[in-house]
Amino acid sequence: YTPKADRVECCLECGEPMKNRGSHWWCPGCGSDLRTP
């Protein structure tokens, strides 16, 4: 089982640790922003 936290804590694009900004996760490495418009 893999909770959602594990799926977003590392960037799927570059593998860098993601930053939790409350409403979304953001990757400081490549700029990937996990919001869904």
PDB file of all heavy atoms in Angstrom:
ATOM      1  N   TYR A   1       0.856  -1.191   0.000  1.00  0.00           N
ATOM      2  CA  TYR A   1       0.000   0.000   0.000  1.00  0.00           C
ATOM      3  C   TYR A   1       0.889   1.237   0.000  1.00  0.00           C
ATOM      4  O   TYR A   1       1.851   1.318   0.768  1.00  0.00           O
ATOM      5  CB  TYR A   1      -0.913   0.018   1.229  1.00  0.00           C
ATOM      6  CG  TYR A   1      -1.749   1.270   1.282  1.00  0.00           C
ATOM      7  CD1 TYR A   1      -2.877   1.398   0.483  1.00  0.00           C
ATOM      8  CD2 TYR A   1      -1.375   2.333   2.089  1.00  0.00           C
ATOM      9  CE1 TYR A   1      -3.623   2.565   0.499  1.00  0.00           C
ATOM     10  CE2 TYR A   1      -2.121   3.497   2.115  1.00  0.00           C
ATOM     11  CZ  TYR A   1      -3.236   3.600   1.313  1.00  0.00           C
ATOM     12  OH  TYR A   1      -3.970   4.757   1.320  1.00  0.00           O
ATOM     13  N   THR A   2       0.595   2.199  -0.842  1.00  0.00           N
ATOM     14  CA  THR A   2       1.338   3.451  -0.898  1.00  0.00           C
ATOM     15  C   THR A   2       0.365   4.603  -0.722  1.00  0.00           C
ATOM     16  O   THR A   2      -0.467   4.847  -1.594  1.00  0.00           O
ATOM     17  CB  THR A   2       2.079   3.610  -2.241  1.00  0.00           C
ATOM     18  OG1 THR A   2       2.917   2.473  -2.445  1.00  0.00           O
ATOM     19  CG2 THR A   2       2.919   4.880  -2.235  1.00  0.00           C
ATOM     20  N   PRO A   3       0.432   5.295   0.407  1.00  0.00           N
ATOM     21  CA  PRO A   3      -0.485   6.424   0.607  1.00  0.00           C
ATOM     22  C   PRO A   3      -0.167   7.571  -0.320  1.00  0.00           C
ATOM     23  O   PRO A   3       0.939   7.664  -0.872  1.00  0.00           O
ATOM     24  CB  PRO A   3      -0.256   6.809   2.069  1.00  0.00           C
ATOM     25  CG  PRO A   3       1.114   6.345   2.368  1.00  0.00           C
ATOM     26  CD  PRO A   3       1.335   5.108   1.538  1.00  0.00           C
ATOM     27  N   LYS A   4      -1.126   8.461  -0.457  1.00  0.00           N
ATOM     28  CA  LYS A   4      -0.967   9.594  -1.370  1.00  0.00           C
ATOM     29  C   LYS A   4       0.252  10.437  -0.997  1.00  0.00           C
ATOM     30  O   LYS A   4       0.938  10.973  -1.863  1.00  0.00           O
ATOM     31  CB  LYS A   4      -2.218  10.466  -1.340  1.00  0.00           C
ATOM     32  CG  LYS A   4      -2.170  11.621  -2.328  1.00  0.00           C
ATOM     33  CD  LYS A   4      -3.465  12.405  -2.308  1.00  0.00           C
ATOM     34  CE  LYS A   4      -3.405  13.577  -3.258  1.00  0.00           C
ATOM     35  NZ  LYS A   4      -4.634  14.378  -3.244  1.00  0.00           N
ATOM     36  N   ALA A   5       0.549  10.520   0.317  1.00  0.00           N
ATOM     37  CA  ALA A   5       1.695  11.322   0.759  1.00  0.00           C
ATOM     38  C   ALA A   5       2.972  10.859   0.084  1.00  0.00           C
ATOM     39  O   ALA A   5       3.794  11.666  -0.353  1.00  0.00           O
ATOM     40  CB  ALA A   5       1.841  11.240   2.279  1.00  0.00           C
ATOM     41  N   ASP A   6       3.163   9.538  -0.007  1.00  0.00           N
ATOM     42  CA  ASP A   6       4.379   9.021  -0.629  1.00  0.00           C
ATOM     43  C   ASP A   6       4.414   9.303  -2.124  1.00  0.00           C
ATOM     44  O   ASP A   6       5.482   9.410  -2.722  1.00  0.00           O
ATOM     45  CB  ASP A   6       4.487   7.512  -0.399  1.00  0.00           C
ATOM     46  CG  ASP A   6       5.114   7.214   0.955  1.00  0.00           C
ATOM     47  OD1 ASP A   6       5.194   8.149   1.768  1.00  0.00           O
ATOM     48  OD2 ASP A   6       5.491   6.065   1.189  1.00  0.00           O
ATOM     49  N   ARG A   7       3.256   9.409  -2.748  1.00  0.00           N
ATOM     50  CA  ARG A   7       3.223   9.620  -4.187  1.00  0.00           C
ATOM     51  C   ARG A   7       3.552  11.053  -4.564  1.00  0.00           C
ATOM     52  O   ARG A   7       3.838  11.344  -5.710  1.00  0.00           O
ATOM     53  CB  ARG A   7       1.832   9.238  -4.727  1.00  0.00           C
ATOM     54  CG  ARG A   7       1.492   7.764  -4.526  1.00  0.00           C
ATOM     55  CD  ARG A   7       0.334   7.347  -5.421  1.00  0.00           C
ATOM     56  NE  ARG A   7      -0.915   8.012  -5.091  1.00  0.00           N
ATOM     57  CZ  ARG A   7      -1.802   7.555  -4.222  1.00  0.00           C
ATOM     58  NH1 ARG A   7      -1.547   6.420  -3.548  1.00  0.00           N
ATOM     59  NH2 ARG A   7      -2.925   8.185  -3.984  1.00  0.00           N
ATOM     60  N   VAL A   8       3.456  11.971  -3.605  1.00  0.00           N
ATOM     61  CA  VAL A   8       3.717  13.368  -3.932  1.00  0.00           C
ATOM     62  C   VAL A   8       4.921  13.945  -3.199  1.00  0.00           C
ATOM     63  O   VAL A   8       5.398  15.007  -3.545  1.00  0.00           O
ATOM     64  CB  VAL A   8       2.478  14.254  -3.644  1.00  0.00           C
ATOM     65  CG1 VAL A   8       1.326  13.833  -4.509  1.00  0.00           C
ATOM     66  CG2 VAL A   8       2.113  14.215  -2.177  1.00  0.00           C
ATOM     67  N   GLU A   9       5.411  13.242  -2.165  1.00  0.00           N
ATOM     68  CA  GLU A   9       6.545  13.802  -1.428  1.00  0.00           C
ATOM     69  C   GLU A   9       7.806  13.842  -2.289  1.00  0.00           C
ATOM     70  O   GLU A   9       8.704  14.641  -2.040  1.00  0.00           O
ATOM     71  CB  GLU A   9       6.798  13.019  -0.143  1.00  0.00           C
ATOM     72  CG  GLU A   9       5.815  13.412   0.964  1.00  0.00           C
ATOM     73  CD  GLU A   9       6.052  12.649   2.245  1.00  0.00           C
ATOM     74  OE1 GLU A   9       6.936  11.777   2.276  1.00  0.00           O
ATOM     75  OE2 GLU A   9       5.337  12.908   3.216  1.00  0.00           O
ATOM     76  N   CYS A  10       7.902  12.984  -3.275  1.00  0.00           N
ATOM     77  CA  CYS A  10       9.012  13.041  -4.238  1.00  0.00           C
ATOM     78  C   CYS A  10       8.443  13.339  -5.627  1.00  0.00           C
ATOM     79  O   CYS A  10       7.448  12.756  -6.039  1.00  0.00           O
ATOM     80  CB  CYS A  10       9.795  11.733  -4.248  1.00  0.00           C
ATOM     81  SG  CYS A  10      10.749  11.474  -2.734  1.00  0.00           S
ATOM     82  N   CYS A  11       9.090  14.245  -6.323  1.00  0.00           N
ATOM     83  CA  CYS A  11       8.595  14.690  -7.626  1.00  0.00           C
ATOM     84  C   CYS A  11       8.666  13.541  -8.640  1.00  0.00           C
ATOM     85  O   CYS A  11       9.704  12.885  -8.797  1.00  0.00           O
ATOM     86  CB  CYS A  11       9.417  15.871  -8.109  1.00  0.00           C
ATOM     87  SG  CYS A  11       8.893  16.480  -9.726  1.00  0.00           S
ATOM     88  N   LEU A  12       7.554  13.320  -9.359  1.00  0.00           N
ATOM     89  CA  LEU A  12       7.523  12.274 -10.372  1.00  0.00           C
ATOM     90  C   LEU A  12       8.312  12.679 -11.615  1.00  0.00           C
ATOM     91  O   LEU A  12       8.671  11.841 -12.442  1.00  0.00           O
ATOM     92  CB  LEU A  12       6.068  11.964 -10.750  1.00  0.00           C
ATOM     93  CG  LEU A  12       5.194  11.410  -9.619  1.00  0.00           C
ATOM     94  CD1 LEU A  12       3.768  11.213 -10.115  1.00  0.00           C
ATOM     95  CD2 LEU A  12       5.745  10.100  -9.107  1.00  0.00           C
ATOM     96  N   GLU A  13       8.597  13.982 -11.768  1.00  0.00           N
ATOM     97  CA  GLU A  13       9.312  14.465 -12.943  1.00  0.00           C
ATOM     98  C   GLU A  13      10.834  14.340 -12.778  1.00  0.00           C
ATOM     99  O   GLU A  13      11.540  13.888 -13.672  1.00  0.00           O
ATOM    100  CB  GLU A  13       8.954  15.936 -13.219  1.00  0.00           C
ATOM    101  CG  GLU A  13       7.477  16.179 -13.441  1.00  0.00           C
ATOM    102  CD  GLU A  13       6.992  15.558 -14.744  1.00  0.00           C
ATOM    103  OE1 GLU A  13       7.824  15.371 -15.652  1.00  0.00           O
ATOM    104  OE2 GLU A  13       5.789  15.266 -14.843  1.00  0.00           O
ATOM    105  N   CYS A  14      11.348  14.774 -11.588  1.00  0.00           N
ATOM    106  CA  CYS A  14      12.805  14.803 -11.416  1.00  0.00           C
ATOM    107  C   CYS A  14      13.296  14.063 -10.180  1.00  0.00           C
ATOM    108  O   CYS A  14      14.496  13.904  -9.986  1.00  0.00           O
ATOM    109  CB  CYS A  14      13.299  16.254 -11.369  1.00  0.00           C
ATOM    110  SG  CYS A  14      12.782  17.151  -9.896  1.00  0.00           S
ATOM    111  N   GLY A  15      12.354  13.614  -9.301  1.00  0.00           N
ATOM    112  CA  GLY A  15      12.742  12.850  -8.130  1.00  0.00           C
ATOM    113  C   GLY A  15      13.140  13.678  -6.932  1.00  0.00           C
ATOM    114  O   GLY A  15      13.469  13.123  -5.871  1.00  0.00           O
ATOM    115  N   GLU A  16      13.138  15.017  -7.061  1.00  0.00           N
ATOM    116  CA  GLU A  16      13.488  15.868  -5.927  1.00  0.00           C
ATOM    117  C   GLU A  16      12.361  15.875  -4.882  1.00  0.00           C
ATOM    118  O   GLU A  16      11.190  15.684  -5.223  1.00  0.00           O
ATOM    119  CB  GLU A  16      13.729  17.312  -6.418  1.00  0.00           C
ATOM    120  CG  GLU A  16      15.004  17.504  -7.212  1.00  0.00           C
ATOM    121  CD  GLU A  16      16.235  17.300  -6.343  1.00  0.00           C
ATOM    122  OE1 GLU A  16      16.291  17.864  -5.233  1.00  0.00           O
ATOM    123  OE2 GLU A  16      17.137  16.544  -6.773  1.00  0.00           O
ATOM    124  N   PRO A  17      12.721  16.093  -3.587  1.00  0.00           N
ATOM    125  CA  PRO A  17      11.675  16.190  -2.550  1.00  0.00           C
ATOM    126  C   PRO A  17      10.742  17.360  -2.840  1.00  0.00           C
ATOM    127  O   PRO A  17      11.186  18.452  -3.184  1.00  0.00           O
ATOM    128  CB  PRO A  17      12.462  16.418  -1.255  1.00  0.00           C
ATOM    129  CG  PRO A  17      13.835  15.912  -1.547  1.00  0.00           C
ATOM    130  CD  PRO A  17      14.074  16.178  -3.001  1.00  0.00           C
ATOM    131  N   MET A  18       9.440  17.107  -2.706  1.00  0.00           N
ATOM    132  CA  MET A  18       8.437  18.146  -2.945  1.00  0.00           C
ATOM    133  C   MET A  18       8.246  18.981  -1.674  1.00  0.00           C
ATOM    134  O   MET A  18       8.529  18.538  -0.562  1.00  0.00           O
ATOM    135  CB  MET A  18       7.102  17.510  -3.337  1.00  0.00           C
ATOM    136  CG  MET A  18       7.152  16.636  -4.572  1.00  0.00           C
ATOM    137  SD  MET A  18       7.208  17.586  -6.102  1.00  0.00           S
ATOM    138  CE  MET A  18       5.488  18.031  -6.261  1.00  0.00           C
ATOM    139  N   LYS A  19       7.716  20.195  -1.821  1.00  0.00           N
ATOM    140  CA  LYS A  19       7.382  21.077  -0.714  1.00  0.00           C
ATOM    141  C   LYS A  19       5.858  21.140  -0.576  1.00  0.00           C
ATOM    142  O   LYS A  19       5.143  21.361  -1.554  1.00  0.00           O
ATOM    143  CB  LYS A  19       7.923  22.498  -0.963  1.00  0.00           C
ATOM    144  CG  LYS A  19       9.450  22.581  -1.050  1.00  0.00           C
ATOM    145  CD  LYS A  19      10.088  22.375   0.309  1.00  0.00           C
ATOM    146  CE  LYS A  19      11.593  22.619   0.232  1.00  0.00           C
ATOM    147  NZ  LYS A  19      12.249  22.355   1.529  1.00  0.00           N
ATOM    148  N   ASN A  20       5.383  20.933   0.659  1.00  0.00           N
ATOM    149  CA  ASN A  20       3.944  21.003   0.910  1.00  0.00           C
ATOM    150  C   ASN A  20       3.572  22.450   1.193  1.00  0.00           C
ATOM    151  O   ASN A  20       4.005  23.030   2.186  1.00  0.00           O
ATOM    152  CB  ASN A  20       3.580  20.119   2.106  1.00  0.00           C
ATOM    153  CG  ASN A  20       2.074  20.049   2.313  1.00  0.00           C
ATOM    154  OD1 ASN A  20       1.312  20.786   1.685  1.00  0.00           O
ATOM    155  ND2 ASN A  20       1.643  19.170   3.190  1.00  0.00           N
ATOM    156  N   ARG A  21       2.748  23.022   0.305  1.00  0.00           N
ATOM    157  CA  ARG A  21       2.334  24.409   0.493  1.00  0.00           C
ATOM    158  C   ARG A  21       0.876  24.509   0.948  1.00  0.00           C
ATOM    159  O   ARG A  21       0.189  25.485   0.674  1.00  0.00           O
ATOM    160  CB  ARG A  21       2.549  25.191  -0.798  1.00  0.00           C
ATOM    161  CG  ARG A  21       4.040  25.378  -1.107  1.00  0.00           C
ATOM    162  CD  ARG A  21       4.273  26.427  -2.150  1.00  0.00           C
ATOM    163  NE  ARG A  21       5.679  26.802  -2.216  1.00  0.00           N
ATOM    164  CZ  ARG A  21       6.178  27.645  -3.099  1.00  0.00           C
ATOM    165  NH1 ARG A  21       5.386  28.190  -4.014  1.00  0.00           N
ATOM    166  NH2 ARG A  21       7.465  27.954  -3.083  1.00  0.00           N
ATOM    167  N   GLY A  22       0.425  23.499   1.665  1.00  0.00           N
ATOM    168  CA  GLY A  22      -0.930  23.518   2.214  1.00  0.00           C
ATOM    169  C   GLY A  22      -1.954  23.061   1.217  1.00  0.00           C
ATOM    170  O   GLY A  22      -2.533  21.984   1.341  1.00  0.00           O
ATOM    171  N   SER A  23      -2.199  23.876   0.163  1.00  0.00           N
ATOM    172  CA  SER A  23      -3.201  23.515  -0.838  1.00  0.00           C
ATOM    173  C   SER A  23      -2.623  22.673  -1.967  1.00  0.00           C
ATOM    174  O   SER A  23      -3.371  22.133  -2.782  1.00  0.00           O
ATOM    175  CB  SER A  23      -3.834  24.784  -1.418  1.00  0.00           C
ATOM    176  OG  SER A  23      -2.835  25.554  -2.078  1.00  0.00           O
ATOM    177  N   HIS A  24      -1.284  22.573  -2.043  1.00  0.00           N
ATOM    178  CA  HIS A  24      -0.686  21.822  -3.141  1.00  0.00           C
ATOM    179  C   HIS A  24       0.764  21.476  -2.795  1.00  0.00           C
ATOM    180  O   HIS A  24       1.323  21.958  -1.806  1.00  0.00           O
ATOM    181  CB  HIS A  24      -0.731  22.641  -4.440  1.00  0.00           C
ATOM    182  CG  HIS A  24       0.081  23.892  -4.384  1.00  0.00           C
ATOM    183  ND1 HIS A  24      -0.329  25.005  -3.683  1.00  0.00           N
ATOM    184  CD2 HIS A  24       1.307  24.202  -4.926  1.00  0.00           C
ATOM    185  CE1 HIS A  24       0.597  25.947  -3.805  1.00  0.00           C
ATOM    186  NE2 HIS A  24       1.595  25.486  -4.543  1.00  0.00           N
ATOM    187  N   TRP A  25       1.352  20.603  -3.636  1.00  0.00           N
ATOM    188  CA  TRP A  25       2.766  20.244  -3.517  1.00  0.00           C
ATOM    189  C   TRP A  25       3.538  20.883  -4.673  1.00  0.00           C
ATOM    190  O   TRP A  25       3.082  20.903  -5.821  1.00  0.00           O
ATOM    191  CB  TRP A  25       2.930  18.718  -3.573  1.00  0.00           C
ATOM    192  CG  TRP A  25       2.370  18.016  -2.373  1.00  0.00           C
ATOM    193  CD1 TRP A  25       1.072  17.697  -2.139  1.00  0.00           C
ATOM    194  CD2 TRP A  25       3.099  17.549  -1.251  1.00  0.00           C
ATOM    195  NE1 TRP A  25       0.934  17.065  -0.934  1.00  0.00           N
ATOM    196  CE2 TRP A  25       2.169  16.951  -0.366  1.00  0.00           C
ATOM    197  CE3 TRP A  25       4.445  17.575  -0.885  1.00  0.00           C
ATOM    198  CZ2 TRP A  25       2.537  16.380   0.839  1.00  0.00           C
ATOM    199  CZ3 TRP A  25       4.821  16.995   0.312  1.00  0.00           C
ATOM    200  CH2 TRP A  25       3.892  16.426   1.172  1.00  0.00           C
ATOM    201  N   TRP A  26       4.736  21.392  -4.353  1.00  0.00           N
ATOM    202  CA  TRP A  26       5.529  22.101  -5.363  1.00  0.00           C
ATOM    203  C   TRP A  26       6.971  21.606  -5.299  1.00  0.00           C
ATOM    204  O   TRP A  26       7.529  21.374  -4.224  1.00  0.00           O
ATOM    205  CB  TRP A  26       5.480  23.595  -5.084  1.00  0.00           C
ATOM    206  CG  TRP A  26       6.368  24.406  -5.978  1.00  0.00           C
ATOM    207  CD1 TRP A  26       6.132  24.729  -7.281  1.00  0.00           C
ATOM    208  CD2 TRP A  26       7.630  24.985  -5.634  1.00  0.00           C
ATOM    209  NE1 TRP A  26       7.163  25.481  -7.785  1.00  0.00           N
ATOM    210  CE2 TRP A  26       8.109  25.663  -6.788  1.00  0.00           C
ATOM    211  CE3 TRP A  26       8.401  25.007  -4.483  1.00  0.00           C
ATOM    212  CZ2 TRP A  26       9.314  26.342  -6.811  1.00  0.00           C
ATOM    213  CZ3 TRP A  26       9.605  25.683  -4.499  1.00  0.00           C
ATOM    214  CH2 TRP A  26      10.064  26.343  -5.650  1.00  0.00           C
ATOM    215  N   CYS A  27       7.566  21.397  -6.476  1.00  0.00           N
ATOM    216  CA  CYS A  27       8.943  20.902  -6.565  1.00  0.00           C
ATOM    217  C   CYS A  27       9.895  22.070  -6.820  1.00  0.00           C
ATOM    218  O   CYS A  27       9.804  22.725  -7.872  1.00  0.00           O
ATOM    219  CB  CYS A  27       9.078  19.874  -7.682  1.00  0.00           C
ATOM    220  SG  CYS A  27      10.790  19.314  -7.911  1.00  0.00           S
ATOM    221  N   PRO A  28      10.814  22.324  -5.872  1.00  0.00           N
ATOM    222  CA  PRO A  28      11.775  23.415  -6.093  1.00  0.00           C
ATOM    223  C   PRO A  28      12.816  23.064  -7.152  1.00  0.00           C
ATOM    224  O   PRO A  28      13.515  23.948  -7.665  1.00  0.00           O
ATOM    225  CB  PRO A  28      12.433  23.598  -4.719  1.00  0.00           C
ATOM    226  CG  PRO A  28      12.283  22.267  -4.054  1.00  0.00           C
ATOM    227  CD  PRO A  28      10.994  21.681  -4.558  1.00  0.00           C
ATOM    228  N   GLY A  29      12.941  21.762  -7.508  1.00  0.00           N
ATOM    229  CA  GLY A  29      13.926  21.348  -8.492  1.00  0.00           C
ATOM    230  C   GLY A  29      13.517  21.686  -9.909  1.00  0.00           C
ATOM    231  O   GLY A  29      14.247  22.359 -10.645  1.00  0.00           O
ATOM    232  N   CYS A  30      12.329  21.236 -10.314  1.00  0.00           N
ATOM    233  CA  CYS A  30      11.886  21.465 -11.703  1.00  0.00           C
ATOM    234  C   CYS A  30      10.644  22.334 -11.792  1.00  0.00           C
ATOM    235  O   CYS A  30      10.169  22.623 -12.896  1.00  0.00           O
ATOM    236  CB  CYS A  30      11.641  20.128 -12.393  1.00  0.00           C
ATOM    237  SG  CYS A  30      10.221  19.223 -11.733  1.00  0.00           S
ATOM    238  N   GLY A  31      10.085  22.720 -10.644  1.00  0.00           N
ATOM    239  CA  GLY A  31       8.919  23.604 -10.670  1.00  0.00           C
ATOM    240  C   GLY A  31       7.598  22.897 -10.834  1.00  0.00           C
ATOM    241  O   GLY A  31       6.566  23.547 -11.030  1.00  0.00           O
ATOM    242  N   SER A  32       7.575  21.560 -10.787  1.00  0.00           N
ATOM    243  CA  SER A  32       6.319  20.829 -10.916  1.00  0.00           C
ATOM    244  C   SER A  32       5.369  21.234  -9.787  1.00  0.00           C
ATOM    245  O   SER A  32       5.750  21.269  -8.619  1.00  0.00           O
ATOM    246  CB  SER A  32       6.586  19.325 -10.854  1.00  0.00           C
ATOM    247  OG  SER A  32       5.384  18.615 -10.956  1.00  0.00           O
ATOM    248  N   ASP A  33       4.134  21.587 -10.180  1.00  0.00           N
ATOM    249  CA  ASP A  33       3.154  22.108  -9.221  1.00  0.00           C
ATOM    250  C   ASP A  33       1.918  21.217  -9.271  1.00  0.00           C
ATOM    251  O   ASP A  33       1.195  21.213 -10.264  1.00  0.00           O
ATOM    252  CB  ASP A  33       2.806  23.546  -9.608  1.00  0.00           C
ATOM    253  CG  ASP A  33       2.027  24.265  -8.513  1.00  0.00           C
ATOM    254  OD1 ASP A  33       1.461  23.558  -7.658  1.00  0.00           O
ATOM    255  OD2 ASP A  33       1.984  25.502  -8.525  1.00  0.00           O
ATOM    256  N   LEU A  34       1.698  20.419  -8.195  1.00  0.00           N
ATOM    257  CA  LEU A  34       0.616  19.441  -8.224  1.00  0.00           C
ATOM    258  C   LEU A  34      -0.705  20.057  -7.787  1.00  0.00           C
ATOM    259  O   LEU A  34      -1.264  19.754  -6.751  1.00  0.00           O
ATOM    260  CB  LEU A  34       0.963  18.241  -7.349  1.00  0.00           C
ATOM    261  CG  LEU A  34       2.189  17.435  -7.801  1.00  0.00           C
ATOM    262  CD1 LEU A  34       2.310  16.167  -6.991  1.00  0.00           C
ATOM    263  CD2 LEU A  34       2.080  17.090  -9.269  1.00  0.00           C
ATOM    264  N   ARG A  35      -1.202  20.982  -8.602  1.00  0.00           N
ATOM    265  CA  ARG A  35      -2.573  21.482  -8.470  1.00  0.00           C
ATOM    266  C   ARG A  35      -3.341  21.028  -9.699  1.00  0.00           C
ATOM    267  O   ARG A  35      -2.761  20.878 -10.788  1.00  0.00           O
ATOM    268  CB  ARG A  35      -2.593  22.996  -8.381  1.00  0.00           C
ATOM    269  CG  ARG A  35      -2.098  23.532  -7.052  1.00  0.00           C
ATOM    270  CD  ARG A  35      -2.122  25.040  -7.034  1.00  0.00           C
ATOM    271  NE  ARG A  35      -1.147  25.617  -7.953  1.00  0.00           N
ATOM    272  CZ  ARG A  35      -0.908  26.927  -8.054  1.00  0.00           C
ATOM    273  NH1 ARG A  35      -1.570  27.783  -7.308  1.00  0.00           N
ATOM    274  NH2 ARG A  35      -0.010  27.371  -8.905  1.00  0.00           N
ATOM    275  N   THR A  36      -4.625  20.835  -9.551  1.00  0.00           N
ATOM    276  CA  THR A  36      -5.430  20.418 -10.711  1.00  0.00           C
ATOM    277  C   THR A  36      -6.443  21.504 -11.009  1.00  0.00           C
ATOM    278  O   THR A  36      -7.401  21.694 -10.259  1.00  0.00           O
ATOM    279  CB  THR A  36      -6.157  19.098 -10.413  1.00  0.00           C
ATOM    280  OG1 THR A  36      -5.191  18.124 -10.055  1.00  0.00           O
ATOM    281  CG2 THR A  36      -6.940  18.622 -11.634  1.00  0.00           C
ATOM    282  N   PRO A  37      -6.260  22.283 -12.080  1.00  0.00           N
ATOM    283  CA  PRO A  37      -7.229  23.338 -12.415  1.00  0.00           C
ATOM    284  C   PRO A  37      -8.493  22.755 -13.025  1.00  0.00           C
ATOM    285  O   PRO A  37      -8.641  21.547 -13.157  1.00  0.00           O
ATOM    286  CB  PRO A  37      -6.464  24.193 -13.428  1.00  0.00           C
ATOM    287  CG  PRO A  37      -5.519  23.228 -14.070  1.00  0.00           C
ATOM    288  CD  PRO A  37      -5.136  22.240 -13.009  1.00  0.00           C
TER     289      PRO A  37
END
